[in-house]
Amino acid sequence: MDLKPETLAEIEAAIPKYPEKQSAVMPLLHAIQKDQGTLTNEAAEWVAEKLGIAPINVLSVISFYPFFRQHQIGKRHIRVCRTLSCAMAGGAKVCDRMLKEFETELNGVSPDGEVTVEFAECLASCGSAPVMLVDEELHENLDEAKAKEICDKIKAEAKA
């Protein structure tokens, strides 16, 4: 792996913070994703070797948490919750509105490179369903009209 020196330093500093080095999986993955943009199989194998664990253990962490990415995304990352309370409250309609507004497909990158829309498993705000994250900002109690407002804001910011 070709990591920046500051990323390697961050990784080396993170490992000793844990009583068992395999517990450093998530900080290492965050550092590599920040450096590389995505987490490839090569990255998973590198982390596994660094921590003395099986690559499948690293891949299971990558695939479980929605903030880890195995593919390139647009400049803005939209994650719509699809678990039960959000699904029952209209999460799919909110997601469909986002896809239509940005002329993209689920997990794809919009034609202008600005946006990726994905489903996420539980964003931990069931009482205010449906919810979505735009980058790291949580939007709650959504409906199609609120989703359209958020889309318009993102489009305006992209033009600025």
N, C-alpha and C. Protein backbone atom coordinates (compact mmCIF):
# COMPACT_ATOMS: atom_id res chain seq x y z
N MET A 1 0.85 -1.19 0.00
CA MET A 1 0.00 0.00 0.00
C MET A 1 0.89 1.23 0.00
N ASP A 2 0.45 2.20 -0.75
CA ASP A 2 1.19 3.46 -0.84
C ASP A 2 0.45 4.51 -0.01
N LEU A 3 0.81 4.61 1.26
CA LEU A 3 0.16 5.56 2.16
C LEU A 3 1.08 6.75 2.41
N LYS A 4 0.44 7.91 2.65
CA LYS A 4 1.20 9.11 2.98
C LYS A 4 1.95 8.91 4.30
N PRO A 5 3.09 9.55 4.45
CA PRO A 5 3.84 9.41 5.71
C PRO A 5 3.02 9.78 6.95
N GLU A 6 2.18 10.80 6.84
CA GLU A 6 1.37 11.20 7.99
C GLU A 6 0.32 10.14 8.33
N THR A 7 -0.16 9.42 7.32
CA THR A 7 -1.11 8.33 7.57
C THR A 7 -0.41 7.18 8.27
N LEU A 8 0.78 6.84 7.81
CA LEU A 8 1.56 5.78 8.46
C LEU A 8 1.86 6.15 9.91
N ALA A 9 2.18 7.42 10.16
CA ALA A 9 2.45 7.87 11.53
C ALA A 9 1.19 7.76 12.39
N GLU A 10 0.05 8.13 11.82
CA GLU A 10 -1.22 8.03 12.54
C GLU A 10 -1.52 6.57 12.91
N ILE A 11 -1.25 5.68 11.97
CA ILE A 11 -1.48 4.25 12.19
C ILE A 11 -0.56 3.73 13.29
N GLU A 12 0.69 4.09 13.21
CA GLU A 12 1.66 3.63 14.22
C GLU A 12 1.32 4.17 15.61
N ALA A 13 0.76 5.36 15.66
CA ALA A 13 0.37 5.95 16.95
C ALA A 13 -0.91 5.32 17.50
N ALA A 14 -1.78 4.85 16.61
CA ALA A 14 -3.07 4.30 17.05
C ALA A 14 -2.94 2.92 17.69
N ILE A 15 -2.12 2.08 17.13
CA ILE A 15 -2.05 0.68 17.57
C ILE A 15 -1.73 0.54 19.06
N PRO A 16 -0.74 1.24 19.60
CA PRO A 16 -0.41 1.05 21.03
C PRO A 16 -1.48 1.55 21.99
N LYS A 17 -2.47 2.26 21.51
CA LYS A 17 -3.54 2.77 22.39
C LYS A 17 -4.47 1.66 22.86
N TYR A 18 -4.37 0.48 22.26
CA TYR A 18 -5.30 -0.61 22.56
C TYR A 18 -4.56 -1.75 23.25
N PRO A 19 -5.20 -2.36 24.25
CA PRO A 19 -4.53 -3.45 24.97
C PRO A 19 -4.25 -4.66 24.05
N GLU A 20 -5.11 -4.87 23.07
CA GLU A 20 -4.90 -5.91 22.06
C GLU A 20 -4.92 -5.21 20.72
N LYS A 21 -3.85 -5.40 19.94
CA LYS A 21 -3.72 -4.60 18.73
C LYS A 21 -4.83 -4.81 17.71
N GLN A 22 -5.49 -5.97 17.69
CA GLN A 22 -6.59 -6.16 16.73
C GLN A 22 -7.76 -5.21 16.99
N SER A 23 -7.80 -4.63 18.18
CA SER A 23 -8.85 -3.66 18.49
C SER A 23 -8.67 -2.35 17.75
N ALA A 24 -7.51 -2.16 17.11
CA ALA A 24 -7.24 -0.94 16.36
C ALA A 24 -7.76 -0.99 14.92
N VAL A 25 -8.54 -1.99 14.58
CA VAL A 25 -9.04 -2.13 13.20
C VAL A 25 -9.72 -0.85 12.72
N MET A 26 -10.68 -0.35 13.47
CA MET A 26 -11.45 0.80 12.98
C MET A 26 -10.60 2.06 12.83
N PRO A 27 -9.75 2.42 13.79
CA PRO A 27 -8.91 3.61 13.56
C PRO A 27 -8.00 3.47 12.34
N LEU A 28 -7.48 2.27 12.12
CA LEU A 28 -6.63 2.07 10.94
C LEU A 28 -7.43 2.23 9.66
N LEU A 29 -8.63 1.67 9.64
CA LEU A 29 -9.48 1.79 8.45
C LEU A 29 -9.86 3.24 8.19
N HIS A 30 -10.19 3.98 9.24
CA HIS A 30 -10.51 5.40 9.06
C HIS A 30 -9.33 6.15 8.46
N ALA A 31 -8.13 5.89 8.98
CA ALA A 31 -6.93 6.57 8.49
C ALA A 31 -6.67 6.25 7.01
N ILE A 32 -6.81 4.98 6.66
CA ILE A 32 -6.56 4.58 5.26
C ILE A 32 -7.63 5.16 4.34
N GLN A 33 -8.89 5.14 4.76
CA GLN A 33 -9.95 5.70 3.93
C GLN A 33 -9.75 7.20 3.73
N LYS A 34 -9.33 7.90 4.78
CA LYS A 34 -9.06 9.33 4.66
C LYS A 34 -7.93 9.57 3.66
N ASP A 35 -6.94 8.72 3.65
CA ASP A 35 -5.78 8.83 2.76
C ASP A 35 -6.13 8.43 1.33
N GLN A 36 -6.83 7.31 1.17
CA GLN A 36 -7.05 6.71 -0.15
C GLN A 36 -8.43 7.00 -0.77
N GLY A 37 -9.40 7.37 0.06
CA GLY A 37 -10.75 7.62 -0.45
C GLY A 37 -11.67 6.42 -0.35
N THR A 38 -11.09 5.22 -0.47
CA THR A 38 -11.87 3.99 -0.37
C THR A 38 -11.04 2.94 0.35
N LEU A 39 -11.69 1.83 0.68
CA LEU A 39 -11.01 0.70 1.30
C LEU A 39 -11.08 -0.50 0.36
N THR A 40 -9.96 -0.82 -0.23
CA THR A 40 -9.88 -1.93 -1.19
C THR A 40 -9.58 -3.23 -0.44
N ASN A 41 -9.64 -4.34 -1.19
CA ASN A 41 -9.24 -5.62 -0.61
C ASN A 41 -7.77 -5.57 -0.19
N GLU A 42 -6.96 -4.86 -0.97
CA GLU A 42 -5.55 -4.71 -0.62
C GLU A 42 -5.40 -4.01 0.74
N ALA A 43 -6.22 -3.00 0.98
CA ALA A 43 -6.19 -2.30 2.26
C ALA A 43 -6.58 -3.24 3.40
N ALA A 44 -7.61 -4.03 3.18
CA ALA A 44 -8.06 -4.98 4.21
C ALA A 44 -6.95 -5.99 4.52
N GLU A 45 -6.29 -6.46 3.49
CA GLU A 45 -5.20 -7.42 3.69
C GLU A 45 -4.02 -6.76 4.41
N TRP A 46 -3.74 -5.51 4.09
CA TRP A 46 -2.65 -4.78 4.72
C TRP A 46 -2.93 -4.60 6.21
N VAL A 47 -4.16 -4.18 6.54
CA VAL A 47 -4.54 -3.99 7.94
C VAL A 47 -4.50 -5.33 8.68
N ALA A 48 -5.00 -6.39 8.05
CA ALA A 48 -4.99 -7.70 8.68
C ALA A 48 -3.57 -8.14 9.01
N GLU A 49 -2.67 -7.95 8.06
CA GLU A 49 -1.27 -8.33 8.31
C GLU A 49 -0.67 -7.47 9.42
N LYS A 50 -0.95 -6.18 9.40
CA LYS A 50 -0.42 -5.25 10.39
C LYS A 50 -0.87 -5.63 11.80
N LEU A 51 -2.11 -6.12 11.91
CA LEU A 51 -2.68 -6.42 13.23
C LEU A 51 -2.64 -7.90 13.59
N GLY A 52 -2.17 -8.74 12.66
CA GLY A 52 -2.07 -10.16 12.94
C GLY A 52 -3.40 -10.88 13.03
N ILE A 53 -4.33 -10.48 12.16
CA ILE A 53 -5.65 -11.12 12.13
C ILE A 53 -5.97 -11.55 10.69
N ALA A 54 -7.03 -12.31 10.53
CA ALA A 54 -7.43 -12.78 9.21
C ALA A 54 -8.08 -11.65 8.42
N PRO A 55 -7.80 -11.56 7.10
CA PRO A 55 -8.42 -10.51 6.28
C PRO A 55 -9.95 -10.49 6.35
N ILE A 56 -10.58 -11.66 6.51
CA ILE A 56 -12.05 -11.69 6.58
C ILE A 56 -12.56 -10.91 7.78
N ASN A 57 -11.78 -10.87 8.86
CA ASN A 57 -12.19 -10.10 10.04
C ASN A 57 -12.20 -8.60 9.74
N VAL A 58 -11.25 -8.16 8.92
CA VAL A 58 -11.21 -6.75 8.53
C VAL A 58 -12.33 -6.46 7.54
N LEU A 59 -12.52 -7.34 6.56
CA LEU A 59 -13.58 -7.14 5.57
C LEU A 59 -14.96 -7.12 6.21
N SER A 60 -15.16 -7.90 7.27
CA SER A 60 -16.47 -7.90 7.93
C SER A 60 -16.73 -6.55 8.60
N VAL A 61 -15.71 -5.90 9.10
CA VAL A 61 -15.87 -4.56 9.69
C VAL A 61 -16.19 -3.55 8.59
N ILE A 62 -15.43 -3.62 7.49
CA ILE A 62 -15.65 -2.70 6.36
C ILE A 62 -17.07 -2.82 5.83
N SER A 63 -17.54 -4.04 5.67
CA SER A 63 -18.87 -4.23 5.06
C SER A 63 -20.01 -3.96 6.03
N PHE A 64 -19.76 -4.01 7.33
CA PHE A 64 -20.83 -3.79 8.31
C PHE A 64 -21.12 -2.31 8.52
N TYR A 65 -20.10 -1.49 8.65
CA TYR A 65 -20.30 -0.09 9.00
C TYR A 65 -20.50 0.78 7.76
N PRO A 66 -21.56 1.59 7.75
CA PRO A 66 -21.87 2.37 6.54
C PRO A 66 -20.90 3.50 6.25
N PHE A 67 -20.06 3.88 7.19
CA PHE A 67 -19.13 4.96 6.93
C PHE A 67 -17.85 4.48 6.25
N PHE A 68 -17.68 3.16 6.12
CA PHE A 68 -16.55 2.64 5.37
C PHE A 68 -17.00 2.38 3.94
N ARG A 69 -16.16 2.75 2.97
CA ARG A 69 -16.54 2.65 1.56
C ARG A 69 -15.57 1.76 0.79
N GLN A 70 -16.13 0.93 -0.08
CA GLN A 70 -15.33 0.09 -0.96
C GLN A 70 -15.41 0.56 -2.41
N HIS A 71 -16.06 1.66 -2.64
CA HIS A 71 -16.16 2.21 -4.00
C HIS A 71 -16.10 3.74 -3.93
N GLN A 72 -15.73 4.35 -5.05
CA GLN A 72 -15.64 5.80 -5.11
C GLN A 72 -17.04 6.41 -4.98
N ILE A 73 -17.09 7.58 -4.38
CA ILE A 73 -18.36 8.28 -4.23
C ILE A 73 -18.21 9.70 -4.77
N GLY A 74 -19.35 10.38 -4.89
CA GLY A 74 -19.35 11.76 -5.31
C GLY A 74 -18.80 12.67 -4.22
N LYS A 75 -18.75 13.96 -4.52
CA LYS A 75 -18.25 14.92 -3.54
C LYS A 75 -19.13 14.98 -2.30
N ARG A 76 -20.42 14.75 -2.48
CA ARG A 76 -21.38 14.73 -1.36
C ARG A 76 -21.89 13.31 -1.21
N HIS A 77 -21.97 12.85 0.02
CA HIS A 77 -22.35 11.47 0.31
C HIS A 77 -23.68 11.47 1.06
N ILE A 78 -24.71 10.94 0.43
CA ILE A 78 -26.05 10.90 1.02
C ILE A 78 -26.38 9.46 1.36
N ARG A 79 -26.72 9.23 2.64
CA ARG A 79 -27.08 7.89 3.10
C ARG A 79 -28.48 7.95 3.71
N VAL A 80 -29.40 7.24 3.11
CA VAL A 80 -30.79 7.21 3.56
C VAL A 80 -31.00 5.92 4.36
N CYS A 81 -31.50 6.06 5.57
CA CYS A 81 -31.75 4.89 6.41
C CYS A 81 -32.87 4.04 5.81
N ARG A 82 -32.65 2.72 5.85
CA ARG A 82 -33.66 1.82 5.31
C ARG A 82 -34.15 0.79 6.32
N THR A 83 -33.79 0.94 7.57
CA THR A 83 -34.26 -0.04 8.55
C THR A 83 -35.74 0.19 8.85
N LEU A 84 -36.31 -0.66 9.65
CA LEU A 84 -37.77 -0.77 9.77
C LEU A 84 -38.51 0.54 10.01
N SER A 85 -38.13 1.31 11.02
CA SER A 85 -38.91 2.52 11.31
C SER A 85 -38.81 3.52 10.16
N CYS A 86 -37.65 3.65 9.56
CA CYS A 86 -37.50 4.57 8.43
C CYS A 86 -38.23 4.05 7.20
N ALA A 87 -38.16 2.75 6.97
CA ALA A 87 -38.86 2.16 5.83
C ALA A 87 -40.37 2.37 5.95
N MET A 88 -40.89 2.15 7.15
CA MET A 88 -42.33 2.30 7.36
C MET A 88 -42.78 3.76 7.28
N ALA A 89 -41.87 4.68 7.57
CA ALA A 89 -42.21 6.11 7.56
C ALA A 89 -41.96 6.77 6.20
N GLY A 90 -41.51 6.00 5.21
CA GLY A 90 -41.36 6.56 3.87
C GLY A 90 -39.93 6.76 3.40
N GLY A 91 -38.99 6.08 3.99
CA GLY A 91 -37.59 6.22 3.60
C GLY A 91 -37.33 5.93 2.13
N ALA A 92 -38.02 4.95 1.58
CA ALA A 92 -37.82 4.60 0.16
C ALA A 92 -38.25 5.75 -0.75
N LYS A 93 -39.35 6.43 -0.40
CA LYS A 93 -39.80 7.57 -1.20
C LYS A 93 -38.79 8.71 -1.13
N VAL A 94 -38.22 8.93 0.04
CA VAL A 94 -37.19 9.96 0.20
C VAL A 94 -35.99 9.61 -0.67
N CYS A 95 -35.57 8.36 -0.64
CA CYS A 95 -34.44 7.92 -1.45
C CYS A 95 -34.75 8.09 -2.94
N ASP A 96 -35.93 7.69 -3.36
CA ASP A 96 -36.32 7.83 -4.77
C ASP A 96 -36.27 9.29 -5.20
N ARG A 97 -36.71 10.21 -4.33
CA ARG A 97 -36.68 11.64 -4.65
C ARG A 97 -35.23 12.09 -4.85
N MET A 98 -34.33 11.65 -3.97
CA MET A 98 -32.92 12.02 -4.09
C MET A 98 -32.33 11.51 -5.40
N LEU A 99 -32.62 10.28 -5.74
CA LEU A 99 -32.10 9.69 -6.98
C LEU A 99 -32.62 10.44 -8.20
N LYS A 100 -33.90 10.78 -8.18
CA LYS A 100 -34.50 11.52 -9.29
C LYS A 100 -33.88 12.91 -9.42
N GLU A 101 -33.75 13.61 -8.31
CA GLU A 101 -33.23 14.98 -8.33
C GLU A 101 -31.79 15.03 -8.85
N PHE A 102 -31.00 14.02 -8.52
CA PHE A 102 -29.60 14.02 -8.93
C PHE A 102 -29.32 13.16 -10.16
N GLU A 103 -30.40 12.64 -10.76
CA GLU A 103 -30.30 11.85 -11.99
C GLU A 103 -29.24 10.77 -11.88
N THR A 104 -29.35 9.99 -10.81
CA THR A 104 -28.37 8.93 -10.58
C THR A 104 -29.06 7.66 -10.13
N GLU A 105 -28.28 6.61 -9.99
CA GLU A 105 -28.77 5.34 -9.50
C GLU A 105 -28.23 5.11 -8.10
N LEU A 106 -28.89 4.24 -7.37
CA LEU A 106 -28.45 3.89 -6.03
C LEU A 106 -27.00 3.41 -6.07
N ASN A 107 -26.18 3.94 -5.20
CA ASN A 107 -24.75 3.62 -5.06
C ASN A 107 -23.89 4.14 -6.20
N GLY A 108 -24.48 4.86 -7.14
CA GLY A 108 -23.72 5.42 -8.25
C GLY A 108 -23.28 6.84 -7.93
N VAL A 109 -22.60 7.42 -8.89
CA VAL A 109 -22.17 8.82 -8.78
C VAL A 109 -22.98 9.61 -9.81
N SER A 110 -23.53 10.74 -9.40
CA SER A 110 -24.33 11.56 -10.31
C SER A 110 -23.47 11.98 -11.51
N PRO A 111 -24.11 12.27 -12.65
CA PRO A 111 -23.35 12.62 -13.86
C PRO A 111 -22.36 13.78 -13.67
N ASP A 112 -22.67 14.69 -12.76
CA ASP A 112 -21.75 15.82 -12.52
C ASP A 112 -20.67 15.51 -11.48
N GLY A 113 -20.69 14.28 -10.93
CA GLY A 113 -19.70 13.88 -9.95
C GLY A 113 -19.95 14.41 -8.55
N GLU A 114 -21.07 15.08 -8.36
CA GLU A 114 -21.35 15.75 -7.08
C GLU A 114 -21.86 14.82 -5.99
N VAL A 115 -22.71 13.83 -6.34
CA VAL A 115 -23.47 13.14 -5.31
C VAL A 115 -23.46 11.63 -5.50
N THR A 116 -23.41 10.92 -4.38
CA THR A 116 -23.69 9.49 -4.33
C THR A 116 -24.80 9.31 -3.30
N VAL A 117 -25.83 8.55 -3.68
CA VAL A 117 -26.94 8.25 -2.78
C VAL A 117 -26.90 6.75 -2.50
N GLU A 118 -26.92 6.42 -1.21
CA GLU A 118 -26.90 5.02 -0.79
C GLU A 118 -27.94 4.80 0.30
N PHE A 119 -28.29 3.55 0.48
CA PHE A 119 -29.05 3.18 1.66
C PHE A 119 -28.06 2.89 2.77
N ALA A 120 -28.46 3.12 4.00
CA ALA A 120 -27.64 2.79 5.16
C ALA A 120 -28.47 1.97 6.13
N GLU A 121 -27.80 1.13 6.86
CA GLU A 121 -28.47 0.36 7.90
C GLU A 121 -28.43 1.18 9.18
N CYS A 122 -29.56 1.51 9.70
CA CYS A 122 -29.76 2.19 10.97
C CYS A 122 -28.82 3.37 11.23
N LEU A 123 -29.39 4.54 11.16
CA LEU A 123 -28.65 5.75 11.48
C LEU A 123 -28.96 6.22 12.91
N ALA A 124 -29.59 5.35 13.68
CA ALA A 124 -29.79 5.54 15.12
C ALA A 124 -30.64 6.76 15.48
N SER A 125 -31.70 6.97 14.70
CA SER A 125 -32.62 8.06 15.00
C SER A 125 -34.04 7.61 14.68
N CYS A 126 -34.40 6.44 15.16
CA CYS A 126 -35.68 5.81 14.82
C CYS A 126 -36.89 6.66 15.20
N GLY A 127 -36.78 7.43 16.25
CA GLY A 127 -37.89 8.25 16.71
C GLY A 127 -38.19 9.43 15.82
N SER A 128 -37.28 9.74 14.89
CA SER A 128 -37.50 10.87 13.98
C SER A 128 -37.43 10.41 12.52
N ALA A 129 -37.90 9.20 12.29
CA ALA A 129 -37.85 8.59 10.95
C ALA A 129 -38.80 9.27 9.99
N PRO A 130 -38.46 9.22 8.69
CA PRO A 130 -37.23 8.71 8.10
C PRO A 130 -36.10 9.74 8.20
N VAL A 131 -34.87 9.22 8.22
CA VAL A 131 -33.69 10.07 8.37
C VAL A 131 -32.67 9.76 7.28
N MET A 132 -31.77 10.73 7.08
CA MET A 132 -30.63 10.51 6.19
C MET A 132 -29.47 11.36 6.65
N LEU A 133 -28.29 10.93 6.27
CA LEU A 133 -27.07 11.70 6.48
C LEU A 133 -26.66 12.32 5.15
N VAL A 134 -26.36 13.59 5.18
CA VAL A 134 -25.73 14.25 4.04
C VAL A 134 -24.34 14.59 4.53
N ASP A 135 -23.36 13.88 4.01
CA ASP A 135 -22.01 13.89 4.55
C ASP A 135 -22.14 13.46 6.01
N GLU A 136 -21.93 14.33 6.96
CA GLU A 136 -22.06 13.94 8.37
C GLU A 136 -23.21 14.66 9.07
N GLU A 137 -24.07 15.32 8.31
CA GLU A 137 -25.19 16.06 8.89
C GLU A 137 -26.47 15.23 8.82
N LEU A 138 -27.08 15.00 9.98
CA LEU A 138 -28.30 14.21 10.06
C LEU A 138 -29.52 15.07 9.76
N HIS A 139 -30.39 14.56 8.88
CA HIS A 139 -31.67 15.22 8.56
C HIS A 139 -32.78 14.27 9.00
N GLU A 140 -33.73 14.79 9.76
CA GLU A 140 -34.76 13.95 10.37
C GLU A 140 -36.16 14.34 9.92
N ASN A 141 -37.12 13.46 10.21
CA ASN A 141 -38.54 13.68 9.92
C ASN A 141 -38.74 14.09 8.46
N LEU A 142 -38.13 13.33 7.57
CA LEU A 142 -38.15 13.68 6.15
C LEU A 142 -39.43 13.24 5.45
N ASP A 143 -39.71 13.95 4.39
CA ASP A 143 -40.72 13.56 3.42
C ASP A 143 -40.17 14.00 2.07
N GLU A 144 -40.91 13.79 1.00
CA GLU A 144 -40.39 14.13 -0.33
C GLU A 144 -40.13 15.63 -0.47
N ALA A 145 -40.98 16.46 0.12
CA ALA A 145 -40.78 17.91 0.01
C ALA A 145 -39.50 18.35 0.72
N LYS A 146 -39.26 17.82 1.92
CA LYS A 146 -38.02 18.16 2.63
C LYS A 146 -36.81 17.63 1.88
N ALA A 147 -36.94 16.46 1.28
CA ALA A 147 -35.84 15.90 0.50
C ALA A 147 -35.52 16.81 -0.69
N LYS A 148 -36.56 17.33 -1.33
CA LYS A 148 -36.37 18.24 -2.47
C LYS A 148 -35.64 19.50 -2.01
N GLU A 149 -36.01 20.05 -0.85
CA GLU A 149 -35.34 21.24 -0.32
C GLU A 149 -33.85 20.97 -0.09
N ILE A 150 -33.54 19.80 0.45
CA ILE A 150 -32.14 19.43 0.69
C ILE A 150 -31.40 19.30 -0.64
N CYS A 151 -32.05 18.71 -1.63
CA CYS A 151 -31.45 18.59 -2.96
C CYS A 151 -31.16 19.97 -3.55
N ASP A 152 -32.12 20.87 -3.45
CA ASP A 152 -31.92 22.22 -3.98
C ASP A 152 -30.76 22.92 -3.31
N LYS A 153 -30.62 22.73 -2.00
CA LYS A 153 -29.51 23.33 -1.26
C LYS A 153 -28.17 22.76 -1.73
N ILE A 154 -28.11 21.46 -1.90
CA ILE A 154 -26.87 20.82 -2.36
C ILE A 154 -26.51 21.30 -3.76
N LYS A 155 -27.51 21.41 -4.63
CA LYS A 155 -27.25 21.89 -6.00
C LYS A 155 -26.74 23.33 -5.98
N ALA A 156 -27.34 24.18 -5.14
CA ALA A 156 -26.91 25.58 -5.04
C ALA A 156 -25.47 25.67 -4.52
N GLU A 157 -25.14 24.86 -3.52
CA GLU A 157 -23.79 24.86 -2.97
C GLU A 157 -22.77 24.38 -4.01
N ALA A 158 -23.17 23.46 -4.87
CA ALA A 158 -22.25 22.95 -5.90
C ALA A 158 -21.95 24.02 -6.94
N LYS A 159 -22.91 24.90 -7.18
CA LYS A 159 -22.72 25.97 -8.17
C LYS A 159 -21.90 27.12 -7.61
N ALA A 160 -21.89 27.25 -6.28
CA ALA A 160 -21.20 28.40 -5.65
C ALA A 160 -19.68 28.29 -5.74
